[in-house]
Amino acid sequence: MSEPETSGTHPGQPRPVRLRDALLRARIEAADRTGVVVDLRDAEVARLEILNDALDPLFAQVPDRIDLFDRGISQGDTPRLWIDVVAHIVMGRDKRMYRFVQDTRFGRIVLAESHDTAVIVEAVTDYVARRMVEREHAMVVPPEPKPAVALPPRRSRLWPFVFGFVLGAAALFGLAVLAALRSW
């Protein structure tokens, strides 16, 4: 089939680009970019796996009864090496720098950042130790408070006054009766 020629084209000039050819080129470019992104993500995951292997001796020392830490690599748009629920390690923008971050209620804070695996292992070691101490403090049962010594109930001062008043009035009345009987 011959292509319809557009008006104003000359035999020496290139033909106008067809949409189908432009779409094919765009798909090839997108596939190339996707391949580069996948390669970068694979490199990030590989570096995180190296760090994960370097952390094995640390987590081997954590007692089995302590279940604070759930270490693993999550694969997604941004691969992460999770230390626990709130702390993880991601790769920096240059894909060679490790960033050890912790999520807090005030936002994400960077605990350590380095190209060197040993520096990050040291930071994770400090973090694990602090979390274990926090757990120990949380698990301590405070001693039961001693019950307060019950003081005898405070009696009202009105009844003794009334009783004294009545008794005094009766005594005066008795004296008055006695004096009246003697004077007769």
C-alpha atoms as a PDB file:
ATOM      1  CA  MET A   1       0.000   0.000   0.000  1.00  0.00           C
ATOM      2  CA  SER A   2       1.199   3.376  -0.697  1.00  0.00           C
ATOM      3  CA  GLU A   3       1.093   6.126   1.819  1.00  0.00           C
ATOM      4  CA  PRO A   4      -1.046   9.108   0.969  1.00  0.00           C
ATOM      5  CA  GLU A   5       1.112  12.068   0.334  1.00  0.00           C
ATOM      6  CA  THR A   6       0.389  15.318   2.004  1.00  0.00           C
ATOM      7  CA  SER A   7       0.035  18.401  -0.054  1.00  0.00           C
ATOM      8  CA  GLY A   8       3.132  20.495  -0.294  1.00  0.00           C
ATOM      9  CA  THR A   9       5.640  17.647   0.017  1.00  0.00           C
ATOM     10  CA  HIS A  10       8.418  17.331  -2.448  1.00  0.00           C
ATOM     11  CA  PRO A  11      10.211  14.156  -3.407  1.00  0.00           C
ATOM     12  CA  GLY A  12      13.454  15.281  -1.650  1.00  0.00           C
ATOM     13  CA  GLN A  13      11.834  16.091   1.711  1.00  0.00           C
ATOM     14  CA  PRO A  14      11.262  13.442   4.467  1.00  0.00           C
ATOM     15  CA  ARG A  15       7.755  12.216   4.927  1.00  0.00           C
ATOM     16  CA  PRO A  16       5.797  13.383   7.992  1.00  0.00           C
ATOM     17  CA  VAL A  17       6.093  11.080  11.031  1.00  0.00           C
ATOM     18  CA  ARG A  18       3.215   8.748  11.569  1.00  0.00           C
ATOM     19  CA  LEU A  19       1.624   8.411  15.012  1.00  0.00           C
ATOM     20  CA  ARG A  20       2.186   4.670  15.016  1.00  0.00           C
ATOM     21  CA  ASP A  21       5.936   5.157  14.528  1.00  0.00           C
ATOM     22  CA  ALA A  22       6.036   7.807  17.293  1.00  0.00           C
ATOM     23  CA  LEU A  23       4.186   5.453  19.669  1.00  0.00           C
ATOM     24  CA  LEU A  24       6.623   2.652  18.878  1.00  0.00           C
ATOM     25  CA  ARG A  25       9.609   4.916  19.636  1.00  0.00           C
ATOM     26  CA  ALA A  26       7.960   6.118  22.899  1.00  0.00           C
ATOM     27  CA  ARG A  27       7.371   2.518  23.992  1.00  0.00           C
ATOM     28  CA  ILE A  28      10.973   1.578  23.293  1.00  0.00           C
ATOM     29  CA  GLU A  29      12.217   4.594  25.286  1.00  0.00           C
ATOM     30  CA  ALA A  30       9.890   3.744  28.192  1.00  0.00           C
ATOM     31  CA  ALA A  31      11.136   0.149  28.192  1.00  0.00           C
ATOM     32  CA  ASP A  32      14.727   1.393  28.285  1.00  0.00           C
ATOM     33  CA  ARG A  33      13.940   3.689  31.219  1.00  0.00           C
ATOM     34  CA  THR A  34      12.066   0.913  33.011  1.00  0.00           C
ATOM     35  CA  GLY A  35      15.073  -1.355  32.533  1.00  0.00           C
ATOM     36  CA  VAL A  36      17.321   1.284  34.086  1.00  0.00           C
ATOM     37  CA  VAL A  37      14.922   1.748  37.022  1.00  0.00           C
ATOM     38  CA  VAL A  38      14.736  -2.004  37.568  1.00  0.00           C
ATOM     39  CA  ASP A  39      18.529  -2.224  37.471  1.00  0.00           C
ATOM     40  CA  LEU A  40      18.821   0.586  40.048  1.00  0.00           C
ATOM     41  CA  ARG A  41      16.230  -1.073  42.283  1.00  0.00           C
ATOM     42  CA  ASP A  42      18.074  -4.388  42.002  1.00  0.00           C
ATOM     43  CA  ALA A  43      21.309  -2.631  42.986  1.00  0.00           C
ATOM     44  CA  GLU A  44      19.563  -1.070  46.021  1.00  0.00           C
ATOM     45  CA  VAL A  45      18.199  -4.441  47.097  1.00  0.00           C
ATOM     46  CA  ALA A  46      21.630  -6.032  46.674  1.00  0.00           C
ATOM     47  CA  ARG A  47      23.282  -3.389  48.885  1.00  0.00           C
ATOM     48  CA  LEU A  48      20.541  -3.790  51.498  1.00  0.00           C
ATOM     49  CA  GLU A  49      21.077  -7.567  51.439  1.00  0.00           C
ATOM     50  CA  ILE A  50      24.791  -7.017  52.057  1.00  0.00           C
ATOM     51  CA  LEU A  51      23.936  -4.842  55.059  1.00  0.00           C
ATOM     52  CA  ASN A  52      21.384  -7.408  56.243  1.00  0.00           C
ATOM     53  CA  ASP A  53      24.099 -10.080  56.188  1.00  0.00           C
ATOM     54  CA  ALA A  54      26.403  -7.754  58.143  1.00  0.00           C
ATOM     55  CA  LEU A  55      23.661  -7.416  60.810  1.00  0.00           C
ATOM     56  CA  ASP A  56      23.310 -11.202  61.287  1.00  0.00           C
ATOM     57  CA  PRO A  57      25.867 -11.411  64.156  1.00  0.00           C
ATOM     58  CA  LEU A  58      24.084  -8.602  66.022  1.00  0.00           C
ATOM     59  CA  PHE A  59      20.646 -10.181  65.809  1.00  0.00           C
ATOM     60  CA  ALA A  60      22.069 -13.602  66.690  1.00  0.00           C
ATOM     61  CA  GLN A  61      22.906 -12.117  70.110  1.00  0.00           C
ATOM     62  CA  VAL A  62      19.366 -10.857  70.760  1.00  0.00           C
ATOM     63  CA  PRO A  63      17.598 -13.308  73.108  1.00  0.00           C
ATOM     64  CA  ASP A  64      14.768 -15.327  71.552  1.00  0.00           C
ATOM     65  CA  ARG A  65      12.278 -14.132  74.172  1.00  0.00           C
ATOM     66  CA  ILE A  66      12.623 -10.558  72.890  1.00  0.00           C
ATOM     67  CA  ASP A  67      10.352 -10.157  69.901  1.00  0.00           C
ATOM     68  CA  LEU A  68      10.776  -6.429  69.290  1.00  0.00           C
ATOM     69  CA  PHE A  69      12.689  -6.777  66.062  1.00  0.00           C
ATOM     70  CA  ASP A  70      11.335  -8.017  62.766  1.00  0.00           C
ATOM     71  CA  ARG A  71      14.138  -7.668  60.282  1.00  0.00           C
ATOM     72  CA  GLY A  72      13.492  -8.053  56.585  1.00  0.00           C
ATOM     73  CA  ILE A  73      13.777  -6.382  53.210  1.00  0.00           C
ATOM     74  CA  SER A  74      10.600  -5.029  51.658  1.00  0.00           C
ATOM     75  CA  GLN A  75      10.544  -4.696  47.912  1.00  0.00           C
ATOM     76  CA  GLY A  76       8.533  -1.882  46.455  1.00  0.00           C
ATOM     77  CA  ASP A  77       9.070   1.467  44.846  1.00  0.00           C
ATOM     78  CA  THR A  78      11.613   2.128  47.593  1.00  0.00           C
ATOM     79  CA  PRO A  79      13.294  -1.032  48.917  1.00  0.00           C
ATOM     80  CA  ARG A  80      13.808  -0.937  52.698  1.00  0.00           C
ATOM     81  CA  LEU A  81      15.601  -3.030  55.284  1.00  0.00           C
ATOM     82  CA  TRP A  82      13.272  -3.026  58.286  1.00  0.00           C
ATOM     83  CA  ILE A  83      14.815  -3.317  61.748  1.00  0.00           C
ATOM     84  CA  ASP A  84      11.533  -3.077  63.660  1.00  0.00           C
ATOM     85  CA  VAL A  85       8.138  -1.494  63.162  1.00  0.00           C
ATOM     86  CA  VAL A  86       9.409   2.092  63.296  1.00  0.00           C
ATOM     87  CA  ALA A  87      13.019   1.941  62.075  1.00  0.00           C
ATOM     88  CA  HIS A  88      14.367   1.011  58.673  1.00  0.00           C
ATOM     89  CA  ILE A  89      17.275   1.572  56.320  1.00  0.00           C
ATOM     90  CA  VAL A  90      16.871   3.002  52.845  1.00  0.00           C
ATOM     91  CA  MET A  91      19.378   3.924  50.203  1.00  0.00           C
ATOM     92  CA  GLY A  92      20.150   7.601  49.640  1.00  0.00           C
ATOM     93  CA  ARG A  93      19.640   9.411  46.370  1.00  0.00           C
ATOM     94  CA  ASP A  94      23.022   8.351  45.060  1.00  0.00           C
ATOM     95  CA  LYS A  95      22.036   4.695  45.730  1.00  0.00           C
ATOM     96  CA  ARG A  96      25.315   4.111  47.587  1.00  0.00           C
ATOM     97  CA  MET A  97      24.597   5.844  50.889  1.00  0.00           C
ATOM     98  CA  TYR A  98      22.714   4.037  53.633  1.00  0.00           C
ATOM     99  CA  ARG A  99      20.167   6.084  55.608  1.00  0.00           C
ATOM    100  CA  PHE A 100      19.016   4.650  58.931  1.00  0.00           C
ATOM    101  CA  VAL A 101      15.735   6.374  59.783  1.00  0.00           C
ATOM    102  CA  GLN A 102      13.081   6.132  62.475  1.00  0.00           C
ATOM    103  CA  ASP A 103       9.450   7.151  62.183  1.00  0.00           C
ATOM    104  CA  THR A 104       8.190   9.137  65.159  1.00  0.00           C
ATOM    105  CA  ARG A 105       4.928  10.905  65.831  1.00  0.00           C
ATOM    106  CA  PHE A 106       6.709  14.147  64.912  1.00  0.00           C
ATOM    107  CA  GLY A 107       7.980  12.832  61.574  1.00  0.00           C
ATOM    108  CA  ARG A 108      10.900  10.825  60.284  1.00  0.00           C
ATOM    109  CA  ILE A 109      14.341  11.364  61.811  1.00  0.00           C
ATOM    110  CA  VAL A 110      17.666  10.219  60.424  1.00  0.00           C
ATOM    111  CA  LEU A 111      19.588   8.208  63.022  1.00  0.00           C
ATOM    112  CA  ALA A 112      22.662   7.582  60.850  1.00  0.00           C
ATOM    113  CA  GLU A 113      23.812   8.114  57.310  1.00  0.00           C
ATOM    114  CA  SER A 114      26.952   6.713  55.723  1.00  0.00           C
ATOM    115  CA  HIS A 115      28.486   4.970  52.741  1.00  0.00           C
ATOM    116  CA  ASP A 116      30.239   2.595  55.130  1.00  0.00           C
ATOM    117  CA  THR A 117      28.413  -0.555  56.228  1.00  0.00           C
ATOM    118  CA  ALA A 118      30.308  -0.675  59.548  1.00  0.00           C
ATOM    119  CA  VAL A 119      29.017   2.761  60.571  1.00  0.00           C
ATOM    120  CA  ILE A 120      25.422   1.712  59.932  1.00  0.00           C
ATOM    121  CA  VAL A 121      25.942  -1.597  61.762  1.00  0.00           C
ATOM    122  CA  GLU A 122      27.231   0.377  64.775  1.00  0.00           C
ATOM    123  CA  ALA A 123      24.213   2.718  64.644  1.00  0.00           C
ATOM    124  CA  VAL A 124      21.806  -0.230  64.436  1.00  0.00           C
ATOM    125  CA  THR A 125      23.630  -1.885  67.363  1.00  0.00           C
ATOM    126  CA  ASP A 126      23.143   1.244  69.486  1.00  0.00           C
ATOM    127  CA  TYR A 127      19.490   1.432  68.442  1.00  0.00           C
ATOM    128  CA  VAL A 128      18.843  -2.221  69.314  1.00  0.00           C
ATOM    129  CA  ALA A 129      20.489  -1.758  72.730  1.00  0.00           C
ATOM    130  CA  ARG A 130      18.360   1.314  73.484  1.00  0.00           C
ATOM    131  CA  ARG A 131      15.173  -0.488  72.453  1.00  0.00           C
ATOM    132  CA  MET A 132      16.024  -3.453  74.670  1.00  0.00           C
ATOM    133  CA  VAL A 133      16.602  -1.140  77.668  1.00  0.00           C
ATOM    134  CA  GLU A 134      13.269   0.606  76.956  1.00  0.00           C
ATOM    135  CA  ARG A 135      11.602  -2.807  76.901  1.00  0.00           C
ATOM    136  CA  GLU A 136      13.176  -3.746  80.245  1.00  0.00           C
ATOM    137  CA  HIS A 137      11.871  -0.541  81.812  1.00  0.00           C
ATOM    138  CA  ALA A 138       8.423  -1.135  80.376  1.00  0.00           C
ATOM    139  CA  MET A 139       8.343  -4.719  81.645  1.00  0.00           C
ATOM    140  CA  VAL A 140       9.300  -3.869  85.236  1.00  0.00           C
ATOM    141  CA  VAL A 141       6.312  -4.178  87.525  1.00  0.00           C
ATOM    142  CA  PRO A 142       6.268  -1.326  90.005  1.00  0.00           C
ATOM    143  CA  PRO A 143       5.855  -2.391  93.630  1.00  0.00           C
ATOM    144  CA  GLU A 144       2.330  -2.304  94.900  1.00  0.00           C
ATOM    145  CA  PRO A 145       1.663   0.839  96.868  1.00  0.00           C
ATOM    146  CA  LYS A 146       1.174   0.237 100.570  1.00  0.00           C
ATOM    147  CA  PRO A 147      -2.312   1.032 101.714  1.00  0.00           C
ATOM    148  CA  ALA A 148      -2.483   4.256 103.636  1.00  0.00           C
ATOM    149  CA  VAL A 149      -2.864   3.869 107.382  1.00  0.00           C
ATOM    150  CA  ALA A 150      -6.511   4.413 108.118  1.00  0.00           C
ATOM    151  CA  LEU A 151      -6.852   7.210 110.617  1.00  0.00           C
ATOM    152  CA  PRO A 152      -9.778   6.955 112.995  1.00  0.00           C
ATOM    153  CA  PRO A 153     -12.654   8.991 111.746  1.00  0.00           C
ATOM    154  CA  ARG A 154     -12.587  12.521 113.010  1.00  0.00           C
ATOM    155  CA  ARG A 155     -15.543  13.105 115.250  1.00  0.00           C
ATOM    156  CA  SER A 156     -17.572  16.188 115.268  1.00  0.00           C
ATOM    157  CA  ARG A 157     -16.855  18.643 118.097  1.00  0.00           C
ATOM    158  CA  LEU A 158     -20.484  19.730 118.307  1.00  0.00           C
ATOM    159  CA  TRP A 159     -21.856  16.731 120.248  1.00  0.00           C
ATOM    160  CA  PRO A 160     -19.393  16.944 123.135  1.00  0.00           C
ATOM    161  CA  PHE A 161     -20.195  20.665 123.440  1.00  0.00           C
ATOM    162  CA  VAL A 162     -23.946  20.015 123.512  1.00  0.00           C
ATOM    163  CA  PHE A 163     -23.495  17.179 126.027  1.00  0.00           C
ATOM    164  CA  GLY A 164     -21.342  19.428 128.273  1.00  0.00           C
ATOM    165  CA  PHE A 165     -23.822  22.263 128.010  1.00  0.00           C
ATOM    166  CA  VAL A 166     -26.765  20.039 128.970  1.00  0.00           C
ATOM    167  CA  LEU A 167     -24.786  18.470 131.838  1.00  0.00           C
ATOM    168  CA  GLY A 168     -23.730  21.924 133.120  1.00  0.00           C
ATOM    169  CA  ALA A 169     -27.298  23.239 132.913  1.00  0.00           C
ATOM    170  CA  ALA A 170     -28.568  20.180 134.821  1.00  0.00           C
ATOM    171  CA  ALA A 171     -25.892  20.695 137.500  1.00  0.00           C
ATOM    172  CA  LEU A 172     -26.846  24.376 137.914  1.00  0.00           C
ATOM    173  CA  PHE A 173     -30.507  23.457 138.097  1.00  0.00           C
ATOM    174  CA  GLY A 174     -29.679  20.819 140.728  1.00  0.00           C
ATOM    175  CA  LEU A 175     -27.688  23.366 142.787  1.00  0.00           C
ATOM    176  CA  ALA A 176     -30.526  25.869 142.530  1.00  0.00           C
ATOM    177  CA  VAL A 177     -33.012  23.264 143.758  1.00  0.00           C
ATOM    178  CA  LEU A 178     -30.688  22.340 146.650  1.00  0.00           C
ATOM    179  CA  ALA A 179     -30.251  25.980 147.637  1.00  0.00           C
ATOM    180  CA  ALA A 180     -34.012  26.519 147.541  1.00  0.00           C
ATOM    181  CA  LEU A 181     -34.635  23.503 149.748  1.00  0.00           C
ATOM    182  CA  ARG A 182     -32.119  24.678 152.370  1.00  0.00           C
ATOM    183  CA  SER A 183     -33.489  28.076 152.548  1.00  0.00           C
ATOM    184  CA  TRP A 184     -36.900  26.870 153.482  1.00  0.00           C
END
